[in-house]
Amino acid sequence: MSDLHKWNPEDTEFWEKEGKKIANRNLWISIPSLLAGFAVWLYWGIITVQMLNLGFDFAKAELFTLMAIAGLTGATLRIPSSFFIRLCGGRNTMFFTTALLMIPAVGAGFALQNPDTPLWHFQLLALLSGFGGGNFASSMSNISFFFPKKQQGLALGLNAGLGNFGVTTMQIVVPLFMTFAAFGALSGDPMVLVNASGTLIGKIPAGTESYISNAGFVWLLLLVPLFFLTWFGMNNIRTPEVSPNIGNPLTSFALITVMLTIGLVIAAVGLWLMLPESANGSGFGVPKELVLVLVVAATVIALKVLPGAIGQSLTRQYQIFNNKHTWVMSIIYTMTFGSFIGFAASFPLAIKVIFGYSHIMVDGIMTHDTINANGPSALMYAWMGPFIGALIRPVGGWISDKLGGAFVTQVCSIVMIGSALGVAYYMKQAYQSATPEEYFIPFFVLFLLLFAATGIGNGSTFRTIAMVFPKEQAGPVLGWTSAVAAYGAFYIPKVIGEQITATTPEVALIGFAVFYCVCVLINYWFYLRKDGEFYNP
């Protein structure tokens, strides 16, 4: 039966007799659904590298906009997604939002078959890829209701951590599937590499054939089975604290569509205000920080004024905004997850741009467009950072269940400060060198350490949220904080892209380190002081 009218995981007898089995089944279907969402959301980081390698006629700055568009949209869609579970039910939400991922996946597959596809077409598909980013908020909120508090750190860490493997899976699978016609005639005609590419196992020389369209089509291998698994294997919890008043599934699908459309339209307007005319924007150049504030505020307000039961339910759920700890945890979670997702989105293209080109003086001017034959392949190395960050995330939840969330977060914060400053140093050295590959190993190792710290910190923040908020608020707070943090997928690639254009990429990492210092102080003040309101060592 898909609807659970009795659900009390805190009751030990109920949990051992029937609750654990149901909760684990929902968790293990949720994880691959979330993995597919992350993959479709962030595959532009790999696709844009291969578009450069295949000689697509776009500037580097234009390709960075695709990651920024997907990042902003995915983060914005997490705002309505934070409230789907109460309004629509967990099973209904997971089924429909996972099915929506097929639209950008198939669309990208066909668009990439033609190198003359216009930029706006790719930008529209990047906008729709935001569906995958939004799914995290509803998935985490849903899983939080299935498990008792004492096990939420591990359960949420597994859902988020293994779901985050969508980034790593994508960064391994996409380069591999681009090497052969995996889907026969559907893969289209091959294109020839202008620059060397690579996969997990090594470089691929220029002149080799590539099937870039498979970067989209390959996700159908996961999404089609999930179409059935989410529908027949997941449950709606119909208790008063979770989803008491959901209608039939079609009503839920319509409601999700309306709320996602509001987020898509507002994100699109924000992007248009910010992007230059050359990238199909307004040319107004509205600062990205102002755009973020406007988009978040407009989305929250637009959802609130929806008529009837939707607005009434959101009024109740919006009580989380009256709790100062919602805002405190939003900042701390942005440090961990925002950094993870932003670096995951920008890491491949950053490696390509900084180490794939020689930075040499020509007529007294430093140039950055000479191909470096000795440069590392971004597609060989980029997957390792998100892999470590995702792999270690459940460990962060488990350690925090033992030692306390705030203490683990504090240690991770300090490690992130040192790592970011180290990465900044080697970025600067490389971007001024004719042989930047000499600085790649220390740059890469420090970046891996940075990813590891973000992963453990992700798990520890879940533990803190579970301890600070009452049950009804914990789910929406998880969704909301993940929405705010997900703007890292927009902000970090945008900042790194701007600083690369300004020839000072290290400034971006120094700025992030300053933000981490602020988070150390905030985390200490609210959760590590023994006389604090929620001392959570």
Protein backbone atom coordinates (compact mmCIF):
# COMPACT_ATOMS: atom_id res chain seq x y z
CA MET A 1 0.00 0.00 0.00
CA SER A 2 1.47 3.32 -1.07
CA ASP A 3 -0.05 5.42 1.76
CA LEU A 4 1.05 4.99 5.40
CA HIS A 5 -1.59 6.33 7.81
CA LYS A 6 0.30 5.17 10.90
CA TRP A 7 3.96 6.13 11.19
CA ASN A 8 5.94 6.54 14.42
CA PRO A 9 9.64 5.64 13.99
CA GLU A 10 10.41 6.83 17.54
CA ASP A 11 8.35 3.87 18.84
CA THR A 12 11.02 1.15 19.18
CA GLU A 13 8.56 -1.74 18.84
CA PHE A 14 6.94 -0.28 15.70
CA TRP A 15 10.35 0.54 14.23
CA GLU A 16 11.79 -2.95 14.69
CA LYS A 17 8.63 -4.78 13.66
CA GLU A 18 7.72 -2.93 10.45
CA GLY A 19 9.08 0.62 10.28
CA LYS A 20 12.75 -0.15 9.58
CA LYS A 21 11.99 -2.29 6.51
CA ILE A 22 9.71 0.35 4.95
CA ALA A 23 12.10 3.21 5.73
CA ASN A 24 15.09 1.40 4.23
CA ARG A 25 13.16 0.53 1.06
CA ASN A 26 12.25 4.18 0.55
CA LEU A 27 15.83 5.23 1.26
CA TRP A 28 17.36 2.83 -1.27
CA ILE A 29 14.99 3.97 -4.02
CA SER A 30 15.51 7.61 -3.07
CA ILE A 31 19.30 7.37 -3.42
CA PRO A 32 19.51 6.48 -7.16
CA SER A 33 16.75 9.01 -7.89
CA LEU A 34 18.81 11.71 -6.21
CA LEU A 35 21.94 10.44 -7.98
CA ALA A 36 20.23 10.88 -11.36
CA GLY A 37 19.13 14.36 -10.34
CA PHE A 38 22.66 15.47 -9.48
CA ALA A 39 23.99 13.97 -12.71
CA VAL A 40 21.53 15.77 -14.97
CA TRP A 41 21.88 19.02 -13.02
CA LEU A 42 25.67 19.19 -13.18
CA TYR A 43 26.60 17.41 -16.41
CA TRP A 44 27.20 20.77 -18.10
CA GLY A 45 30.55 20.91 -16.29
CA ILE A 46 31.73 17.93 -18.38
CA ILE A 47 29.74 18.69 -21.53
CA THR A 48 31.23 22.19 -21.83
CA VAL A 49 34.78 20.80 -21.60
CA GLN A 50 34.03 18.41 -24.47
CA MET A 51 32.34 21.17 -26.47
CA LEU A 52 35.64 23.07 -26.26
CA ASN A 53 37.52 19.93 -27.29
CA LEU A 54 35.22 19.43 -30.29
CA GLY A 55 35.53 23.03 -31.43
CA PHE A 56 31.94 24.18 -30.81
CA ASP A 57 31.86 27.85 -31.76
CA PHE A 58 31.31 29.31 -28.30
CA ALA A 59 33.58 31.47 -26.14
CA LYS A 60 34.76 30.07 -22.78
CA ALA A 61 32.72 32.73 -20.96
CA GLU A 62 29.56 31.64 -22.84
CA LEU A 63 30.13 28.02 -21.80
CA PHE A 64 30.53 29.08 -18.16
CA THR A 65 27.02 30.58 -18.41
CA LEU A 66 25.53 27.09 -18.96
CA MET A 67 26.82 25.92 -15.57
CA ALA A 68 25.68 29.17 -13.94
CA ILE A 69 22.19 28.85 -15.46
CA ALA A 70 21.77 25.25 -14.30
CA GLY A 71 23.19 26.20 -10.89
CA LEU A 72 20.87 29.17 -10.30
CA THR A 73 17.79 27.31 -11.53
CA GLY A 74 18.49 24.13 -9.54
CA ALA A 75 18.98 26.13 -6.38
CA THR A 76 15.83 28.20 -6.96
CA LEU A 77 13.73 25.09 -7.59
CA ARG A 78 14.79 23.79 -4.17
CA ILE A 79 12.66 26.51 -2.59
CA PRO A 80 9.29 25.14 -3.80
CA SER A 81 10.68 21.59 -3.53
CA SER A 82 11.24 22.15 0.21
CA PHE A 83 7.47 22.13 0.70
CA PHE A 84 6.36 19.39 -1.76
CA ILE A 85 6.28 16.55 0.78
CA ARG A 86 3.60 18.11 2.99
CA LEU A 87 1.52 19.29 0.04
CA CYS A 88 1.90 16.33 -2.34
CA GLY A 89 3.29 13.30 -0.48
CA GLY A 90 6.69 11.64 -0.72
CA ARG A 91 5.92 8.95 -3.28
CA ASN A 92 4.00 11.31 -5.57
CA THR A 93 6.78 13.89 -5.40
CA MET A 94 9.67 11.48 -5.98
CA PHE A 95 7.94 9.79 -8.93
CA PHE A 96 7.04 12.98 -10.78
CA THR A 97 10.22 14.97 -10.16
CA THR A 98 12.39 12.02 -11.18
CA ALA A 99 10.36 11.53 -14.37
CA LEU A 100 10.84 15.22 -15.26
CA LEU A 101 14.61 14.62 -15.59
CA MET A 102 13.98 12.80 -18.87
CA ILE A 103 13.10 16.11 -20.56
CA PRO A 104 16.52 17.83 -20.28
CA ALA A 105 18.37 14.51 -20.72
CA VAL A 106 16.71 13.69 -24.05
CA GLY A 107 16.80 17.35 -25.12
CA ALA A 108 20.55 17.59 -24.51
CA GLY A 109 21.12 14.35 -26.42
CA PHE A 110 19.51 15.73 -29.57
CA ALA A 111 20.89 19.30 -29.25
CA LEU A 112 24.49 18.07 -28.91
CA GLN A 113 24.29 16.17 -32.21
CA ASN A 114 24.56 19.46 -34.10
CA PRO A 115 27.52 21.83 -33.47
CA ASP A 116 25.45 24.63 -35.01
CA THR A 117 22.78 24.41 -32.28
CA PRO A 118 22.42 28.02 -31.03
CA LEU A 119 23.51 29.08 -27.55
CA TRP A 120 19.96 29.89 -26.44
CA HIS A 121 18.96 26.27 -27.07
CA PHE A 122 21.67 25.00 -24.72
CA GLN A 123 20.76 27.70 -22.20
CA LEU A 124 17.13 26.54 -22.20
CA LEU A 125 18.24 22.95 -21.61
CA ALA A 126 20.55 24.12 -18.80
CA LEU A 127 17.53 25.89 -17.28
CA LEU A 128 15.52 22.64 -17.39
CA SER A 129 18.46 20.71 -15.92
CA GLY A 130 17.63 22.64 -12.76
CA PHE A 131 14.93 20.01 -12.13
CA GLY A 132 17.74 17.76 -10.92
CA GLY A 133 19.05 20.37 -8.50
CA GLY A 134 15.63 21.01 -7.03
CA ASN A 135 15.04 17.33 -6.25
CA PHE A 136 17.53 17.34 -3.38
CA ALA A 137 15.30 19.44 -1.12
CA SER A 138 12.23 17.24 -1.49
CA SER A 139 14.29 14.03 -1.25
CA MET A 140 16.03 15.05 1.99
CA SER A 141 12.80 16.34 3.53
CA ASN A 142 11.07 13.07 2.64
CA ILE A 143 13.75 10.76 4.07
CA SER A 144 13.97 12.78 7.31
CA PHE A 145 10.39 11.73 8.16
CA PHE A 146 11.07 7.99 7.75
CA PHE A 147 13.82 7.57 10.37
CA PRO A 148 14.05 8.10 14.16
CA LYS A 149 16.12 11.09 15.29
CA LYS A 150 19.00 8.97 16.55
CA GLN A 151 19.48 7.51 13.05
CA GLN A 152 18.80 10.60 10.95
CA GLY A 153 22.46 11.62 10.76
CA LEU A 154 23.41 8.36 9.03
CA ALA A 155 20.22 8.06 6.92
CA LEU A 156 20.40 11.63 5.64
CA GLY A 157 24.15 11.27 5.15
CA LEU A 158 23.60 8.15 3.02
CA ASN A 159 20.84 9.78 0.97
CA ALA A 160 22.82 12.94 0.38
CA GLY A 161 26.25 11.34 0.14
CA LEU A 162 25.36 8.52 -2.23
CA GLY A 163 23.03 10.91 -4.07
CA ASN A 164 25.97 13.26 -4.48
CA PHE A 165 27.71 10.39 -6.24
CA GLY A 166 25.63 11.55 -9.19
CA VAL A 167 28.37 14.15 -9.71
CA THR A 168 31.16 11.57 -9.70
CA THR A 169 29.13 8.99 -11.62
CA MET A 170 28.40 11.60 -14.27
CA GLN A 171 32.05 12.68 -14.49
CA ILE A 172 33.11 9.05 -15.08
CA VAL A 173 30.18 7.77 -17.17
CA VAL A 174 29.78 10.71 -19.57
CA PRO A 175 33.41 10.73 -20.88
CA LEU A 176 33.28 6.93 -21.23
CA PHE A 177 29.99 6.84 -23.16
CA MET A 178 31.17 9.64 -25.47
CA THR A 179 33.83 7.28 -26.87
CA PHE A 180 31.44 4.95 -28.75
CA ALA A 181 27.98 4.84 -30.37
CA ALA A 182 26.34 3.36 -27.27
CA PHE A 183 22.79 3.90 -28.56
CA GLY A 184 23.31 3.07 -32.22
CA ALA A 185 21.55 5.42 -34.62
CA LEU A 186 20.19 7.45 -31.67
CA SER A 187 23.77 8.51 -30.84
CA GLY A 188 23.94 10.36 -34.15
CA ASP A 189 27.00 10.93 -36.32
CA PRO A 190 30.37 11.13 -34.56
CA MET A 191 32.28 14.41 -34.24
CA VAL A 192 36.07 14.66 -34.42
CA LEU A 193 38.09 16.02 -31.49
CA VAL A 194 39.98 19.22 -32.28
CA ASN A 195 41.80 19.09 -28.93
CA ALA A 196 42.83 16.08 -26.86
CA SER A 197 40.17 14.76 -24.50
CA GLY A 198 40.21 12.01 -21.90
CA THR A 199 38.41 9.49 -19.74
CA LEU A 200 39.01 7.91 -16.36
CA ILE A 201 41.78 5.74 -17.82
CA GLY A 202 43.74 8.20 -19.93
CA LYS A 203 44.00 10.83 -22.63
CA ILE A 204 42.24 10.61 -26.01
CA PRO A 205 44.22 12.25 -28.84
CA ALA A 206 42.89 14.94 -31.16
CA GLY A 207 41.43 13.46 -34.34
CA THR A 208 39.48 10.76 -32.46
CA GLU A 209 35.73 10.41 -33.03
CA SER A 210 33.40 11.37 -30.16
CA TYR A 211 29.67 10.90 -29.53
CA ILE A 212 28.91 13.86 -27.26
CA SER A 213 25.13 13.32 -27.58
CA ASN A 214 25.44 10.28 -25.30
CA ALA A 215 26.07 12.70 -22.41
CA GLY A 216 22.29 13.21 -22.36
CA PHE A 217 20.93 9.87 -23.55
CA VAL A 218 22.92 7.75 -21.09
CA TRP A 219 20.77 8.86 -18.14
CA LEU A 220 17.72 7.12 -19.59
CA LEU A 221 19.39 3.85 -18.55
CA LEU A 222 18.76 4.91 -14.94
CA LEU A 223 15.67 7.11 -15.28
CA VAL A 224 13.45 4.57 -17.07
CA PRO A 225 13.78 1.90 -14.32
CA LEU A 226 13.34 4.60 -11.66
CA PHE A 227 10.08 5.63 -13.34
CA PHE A 228 8.65 2.31 -12.16
CA LEU A 229 10.59 1.87 -8.91
CA THR A 230 9.53 5.22 -7.43
CA TRP A 231 5.87 4.57 -8.27
CA PHE A 232 5.62 0.99 -7.04
CA GLY A 233 8.22 1.01 -4.26
CA MET A 234 7.84 4.30 -2.35
CA ASN A 235 5.24 5.55 0.14
CA ASN A 236 3.31 8.66 1.13
CA ILE A 237 3.27 9.18 4.93
CA ARG A 238 -0.24 10.48 5.69
CA THR A 239 0.26 11.40 9.37
CA PRO A 240 -0.55 14.95 10.66
CA GLU A 241 3.14 15.92 10.88
CA VAL A 242 4.02 14.88 7.31
CA SER A 243 1.42 14.79 4.47
CA PRO A 244 -2.08 14.77 5.99
CA ASN A 245 -4.16 16.35 3.23
CA ILE A 246 -2.75 15.33 -0.16
CA GLY A 247 -5.18 14.75 -3.00
CA ASN A 248 -4.99 12.18 -5.80
CA PRO A 249 -1.67 11.80 -7.66
CA LEU A 250 -2.76 13.88 -10.67
CA THR A 251 -3.62 16.78 -8.38
CA SER A 252 -0.20 16.47 -6.76
CA PHE A 253 1.53 16.43 -10.17
CA ALA A 254 -0.36 19.55 -11.24
CA LEU A 255 0.57 21.34 -8.02
CA ILE A 256 4.26 20.41 -8.40
CA THR A 257 4.16 21.65 -12.01
CA VAL A 258 2.71 25.02 -10.99
CA MET A 259 5.24 25.55 -8.20
CA LEU A 260 8.22 24.48 -10.33
CA THR A 261 7.07 26.75 -13.16
CA ILE A 262 7.05 29.72 -10.78
CA GLY A 263 10.65 28.94 -9.82
CA LEU A 264 11.74 28.46 -13.45
CA VAL A 265 10.23 31.74 -14.61
CA ILE A 266 11.71 33.75 -11.73
CA ALA A 267 15.16 32.15 -12.23
CA ALA A 268 15.00 32.90 -15.96
CA VAL A 269 14.18 36.56 -15.31
CA GLY A 270 17.04 36.82 -12.81
CA LEU A 271 19.48 35.29 -15.30
CA TRP A 272 18.30 37.64 -18.05
CA LEU A 273 18.92 40.67 -15.79
CA MET A 274 22.46 39.51 -15.04
CA LEU A 275 23.80 38.03 -18.29
CA PRO A 276 25.41 40.18 -21.02
CA GLU A 277 23.70 40.65 -24.38
CA SER A 278 26.29 38.39 -26.02
CA ALA A 279 24.98 35.54 -23.86
CA ASN A 280 21.29 36.34 -24.57
CA GLY A 281 20.91 38.47 -21.45
CA SER A 282 19.65 42.00 -20.98
CA GLY A 283 23.09 43.56 -20.85
CA PHE A 284 22.01 45.47 -17.72
CA GLY A 285 24.77 43.74 -15.76
CA VAL A 286 22.79 43.54 -12.51
CA PRO A 287 25.23 42.31 -9.82
CA LYS A 288 24.95 38.57 -9.19
CA GLU A 289 24.57 39.09 -5.42
CA LEU A 290 21.52 41.32 -5.98
CA VAL A 291 20.09 38.83 -8.46
CA LEU A 292 20.37 36.05 -5.86
CA VAL A 293 18.50 38.07 -3.24
CA LEU A 294 15.79 39.12 -5.72
CA VAL A 295 15.29 35.59 -7.03
CA VAL A 296 15.01 34.05 -3.55
CA ALA A 297 12.66 36.77 -2.27
CA ALA A 298 10.47 36.72 -5.39
CA THR A 299 10.15 32.91 -5.29
CA VAL A 300 9.22 32.82 -1.61
CA ILE A 301 6.63 35.61 -2.04
CA ALA A 302 5.14 34.17 -5.27
CA LEU A 303 4.59 30.78 -3.63
CA LYS A 304 3.03 32.39 -0.56
CA VAL A 305 0.31 34.15 -2.56
CA LEU A 306 -0.88 30.95 -4.24
CA PRO A 307 -4.59 30.50 -3.47
CA GLY A 308 -6.40 28.07 -1.20
CA ALA A 309 -4.84 25.23 0.72
CA ILE A 310 -1.41 25.77 -0.85
CA GLY A 311 -1.00 29.25 0.59
CA GLN A 312 -2.43 28.14 3.95
CA SER A 313 -0.04 25.19 4.19
CA LEU A 314 2.93 27.34 3.19
CA THR A 315 1.96 29.90 5.84
CA ARG A 316 2.34 27.15 8.43
CA GLN A 317 5.60 25.87 6.95
CA TYR A 318 6.99 29.41 6.60
CA GLN A 319 7.12 29.54 10.40
CA ILE A 320 10.66 28.20 9.99
CA PHE A 321 11.63 31.73 8.88
CA ASN A 322 10.74 33.05 12.34
CA ASN A 323 13.39 30.79 13.86
CA LYS A 324 16.83 32.45 13.85
CA HIS A 325 18.48 29.02 13.66
CA THR A 326 17.01 28.54 10.18
CA TRP A 327 19.18 31.42 9.02
CA VAL A 328 22.21 30.37 11.06
CA MET A 329 22.12 26.85 9.62
CA SER A 330 21.58 28.26 6.12
CA ILE A 331 24.93 30.06 6.39
CA ILE A 332 26.77 27.06 7.84
CA TYR A 333 25.29 24.63 5.31
CA THR A 334 26.23 26.98 2.49
CA MET A 335 29.85 26.69 3.66
CA THR A 336 29.77 22.88 3.35
CA PHE A 337 27.30 21.87 0.66
CA GLY A 338 27.47 25.16 -1.25
CA SER A 339 31.23 24.74 -1.55
CA PHE A 340 30.94 21.08 -2.55
CA ILE A 341 28.41 21.65 -5.29
CA GLY A 342 30.02 24.85 -6.58
CA PHE A 343 33.48 23.33 -6.80
CA ALA A 344 32.05 20.16 -8.37
CA ALA A 345 30.41 22.26 -11.08
CA SER A 346 33.48 24.38 -11.84
CA PHE A 347 36.36 21.95 -11.20
CA PRO A 348 36.55 20.36 -14.71
CA LEU A 349 36.52 23.63 -16.64
CA ALA A 350 38.87 25.28 -14.11
CA ILE A 351 41.44 22.49 -14.66
CA LYS A 352 41.03 22.86 -18.42
CA VAL A 353 41.38 26.65 -18.47
CA ILE A 354 44.21 26.98 -15.89
CA PHE A 355 46.35 23.95 -16.73
CA GLY A 356 45.28 23.13 -20.29
CA TYR A 357 46.76 26.34 -21.69
CA SER A 358 50.25 27.86 -21.46
CA HIS A 359 50.30 31.36 -20.01
CA ILE A 360 52.96 33.19 -22.00
CA MET A 361 54.00 36.76 -22.80
CA VAL A 362 53.34 37.90 -26.37
CA ASP A 363 54.49 41.43 -27.26
CA GLY A 364 54.58 42.34 -23.58
CA ILE A 365 51.05 41.02 -22.89
CA MET A 366 50.26 37.86 -20.90
CA THR A 367 48.15 35.51 -23.05
CA HIS A 368 46.13 32.46 -21.99
CA ASP A 369 45.03 30.78 -25.23
CA THR A 370 48.05 28.67 -26.28
CA ILE A 371 47.23 24.95 -25.97
CA ASN A 372 49.47 23.22 -23.40
CA ALA A 373 50.31 19.78 -24.82
CA ASN A 374 51.57 18.69 -21.39
CA GLY A 375 48.48 19.82 -19.51
CA PRO A 376 46.46 17.28 -17.49
CA SER A 377 43.16 16.05 -18.95
CA ALA A 378 40.29 17.57 -16.97
CA LEU A 379 38.14 14.53 -17.73
CA MET A 380 40.77 12.22 -16.19
CA TYR A 381 41.00 14.04 -12.86
CA ALA A 382 37.86 16.12 -12.25
CA TRP A 383 35.77 13.20 -10.92
CA MET A 384 38.07 12.52 -7.98
CA GLY A 385 37.15 15.61 -5.92
CA PRO A 386 33.37 15.07 -5.91
CA PHE A 387 34.00 11.33 -5.45
CA ILE A 388 35.87 11.91 -2.20
CA GLY A 389 33.38 14.54 -1.00
CA ALA A 390 30.40 12.25 -1.63
CA LEU A 391 32.07 9.07 -0.36
CA ILE A 392 33.00 10.60 2.96
CA ARG A 393 29.68 12.35 3.54
CA PRO A 394 27.91 9.44 5.30
CA VAL A 395 31.03 9.13 7.47
CA GLY A 396 30.48 12.74 8.51
CA GLY A 397 26.95 11.90 9.63
CA TRP A 398 28.13 8.80 11.49
CA ILE A 399 31.00 10.61 13.27
CA SER A 400 28.63 13.45 14.21
CA ASP A 401 26.17 10.98 15.76
CA LYS A 402 29.08 9.98 18.03
CA LEU A 403 30.94 13.27 18.64
CA GLY A 404 28.36 15.99 17.97
CA GLY A 405 27.55 17.88 14.78
CA ALA A 406 28.91 21.31 15.70
CA PHE A 407 32.33 20.01 16.78
CA VAL A 408 32.82 18.09 13.53
CA THR A 409 31.64 21.12 11.53
CA GLN A 410 34.19 23.32 13.32
CA VAL A 411 37.12 21.04 12.48
CA CYS A 412 36.01 20.85 8.84
CA SER A 413 35.72 24.65 8.65
CA ILE A 414 39.33 25.14 9.76
CA VAL A 415 40.57 22.55 7.25
CA MET A 416 38.61 24.31 4.48
CA ILE A 417 40.25 27.66 5.29
CA GLY A 418 43.76 26.24 4.98
CA SER A 419 42.97 24.21 1.86
CA ALA A 420 41.32 27.12 0.05
CA LEU A 421 44.29 29.40 0.71
CA GLY A 422 46.68 26.69 -0.52
CA VAL A 423 44.66 26.18 -3.71
CA ALA A 424 44.67 29.96 -4.26
CA TYR A 425 48.47 30.06 -4.04
CA TYR A 426 49.00 27.32 -6.64
CA MET A 427 46.28 28.73 -8.90
CA LYS A 428 48.19 32.03 -8.98
CA GLN A 429 51.50 30.33 -9.73
CA ALA A 430 50.00 28.21 -12.52
CA TYR A 431 48.14 31.06 -14.22
CA GLN A 432 51.38 33.00 -14.57
CA SER A 433 53.43 30.09 -15.93
CA ALA A 434 54.25 28.80 -19.41
CA THR A 435 54.39 25.32 -17.80
CA PRO A 436 51.42 25.34 -15.39
CA GLU A 437 51.46 21.53 -15.11
CA GLU A 438 54.37 21.91 -12.68
CA TYR A 439 51.88 23.19 -10.08
CA PHE A 440 49.09 20.74 -10.80
CA ILE A 441 49.88 18.06 -8.17
CA PRO A 442 49.85 20.35 -5.07
CA PHE A 443 46.83 22.23 -6.50
CA PHE A 444 45.01 18.94 -7.03
CA VAL A 445 45.88 17.39 -3.63
CA LEU A 446 44.76 20.50 -1.75
CA PHE A 447 41.53 20.59 -3.74
CA LEU A 448 40.87 16.95 -2.81
CA LEU A 449 41.39 17.86 0.86
CA LEU A 450 38.95 20.74 0.41
CA PHE A 451 36.37 18.37 -1.11
CA ALA A 452 36.84 15.89 1.77
CA ALA A 453 36.23 18.62 4.36
CA THR A 454 33.05 19.76 2.59
CA GLY A 455 31.80 16.16 2.53
CA ILE A 456 32.30 15.50 6.24
CA GLY A 457 30.84 18.93 7.01
CA ASN A 458 27.75 18.12 4.96
CA GLY A 459 27.04 15.13 7.18
CA SER A 460 27.69 17.03 10.41
CA THR A 461 25.26 19.85 9.58
CA PHE A 462 22.41 17.35 9.15
CA ARG A 463 23.04 16.13 12.68
CA THR A 464 22.88 19.68 14.04
CA ILE A 465 19.58 20.38 12.23
CA ALA A 466 18.05 17.18 13.63
CA MET A 467 19.00 18.26 17.17
CA VAL A 468 17.96 21.92 16.93
CA PHE A 469 14.54 21.81 15.21
CA PRO A 470 11.24 20.11 16.15
CA LYS A 471 10.10 17.24 13.91
CA GLU A 472 7.59 19.22 11.83
CA GLN A 473 10.15 21.92 11.05
CA ALA A 474 13.21 19.71 10.50
CA GLY A 475 12.11 18.55 7.04
CA PRO A 476 11.32 22.01 5.62
CA VAL A 477 14.48 23.41 7.25
CA LEU A 478 16.57 20.72 5.56
CA GLY A 479 14.96 21.66 2.27
CA TRP A 480 15.35 25.40 2.78
CA THR A 481 18.98 25.30 3.89
CA SER A 482 19.81 23.03 0.97
CA ALA A 483 18.12 25.53 -1.36
CA VAL A 484 20.19 28.44 -0.08
CA ALA A 485 23.40 26.38 -0.15
CA ALA A 486 22.73 25.14 -3.68
CA TYR A 487 23.25 28.67 -4.98
CA GLY A 488 26.91 27.74 -4.61
CA ALA A 489 26.44 25.83 -7.89
CA PHE A 490 25.68 29.18 -9.49
CA TYR A 491 27.87 31.54 -7.48
CA ILE A 492 31.17 29.64 -7.40
CA PRO A 493 31.42 28.92 -11.17
CA LYS A 494 30.36 32.53 -11.83
CA VAL A 495 33.01 33.97 -9.50
CA ILE A 496 35.76 31.64 -10.73
CA GLY A 497 34.81 32.42 -14.34
CA GLU A 498 34.93 36.16 -13.66
CA GLN A 499 38.27 35.94 -11.89
CA ILE A 500 39.74 33.81 -14.68
CA THR A 501 38.59 36.47 -17.15
CA ALA A 502 40.30 39.06 -14.90
CA THR A 503 43.42 36.79 -14.88
CA THR A 504 43.29 36.52 -11.06
CA PRO A 505 41.62 33.12 -10.34
CA GLU A 506 43.26 32.95 -6.90
CA VAL A 507 41.13 35.89 -5.69
CA ALA A 508 38.04 33.66 -5.85
CA LEU A 509 39.52 31.08 -3.46
CA ILE A 510 40.80 33.77 -1.06
CA GLY A 511 37.29 35.21 -0.92
CA PHE A 512 35.83 31.79 -0.13
CA ALA A 513 38.40 31.32 2.67
CA VAL A 514 37.28 34.61 4.26
CA PHE A 515 33.68 33.34 4.22
CA TYR A 516 34.78 30.10 5.92
CA CYS A 517 36.40 32.17 8.70
CA VAL A 518 33.07 33.90 9.33
CA CYS A 519 31.37 30.48 9.52
CA VAL A 520 33.86 29.30 12.16
CA LEU A 521 32.81 32.19 14.40
CA ILE A 522 29.08 31.66 13.78
CA ASN A 523 29.24 27.93 14.45
CA TYR A 524 31.16 28.49 17.69
CA TRP A 525 28.81 31.18 18.95
CA PHE A 526 25.56 29.29 18.43
CA TYR A 527 26.46 25.61 18.85
CA LEU A 528 29.86 25.14 20.53
CA ARG A 529 29.61 27.56 23.48
CA LYS A 530 28.64 25.64 26.59
CA ASP A 531 26.20 28.40 27.56
CA GLY A 532 24.73 28.60 24.05
CA GLU A 533 21.05 27.84 23.41
CA PHE A 534 21.84 24.60 21.56
CA TYR A 535 25.19 23.37 22.80
CA ASN A 536 25.87 20.52 20.38
CA PRO A 537 29.53 19.54 20.79
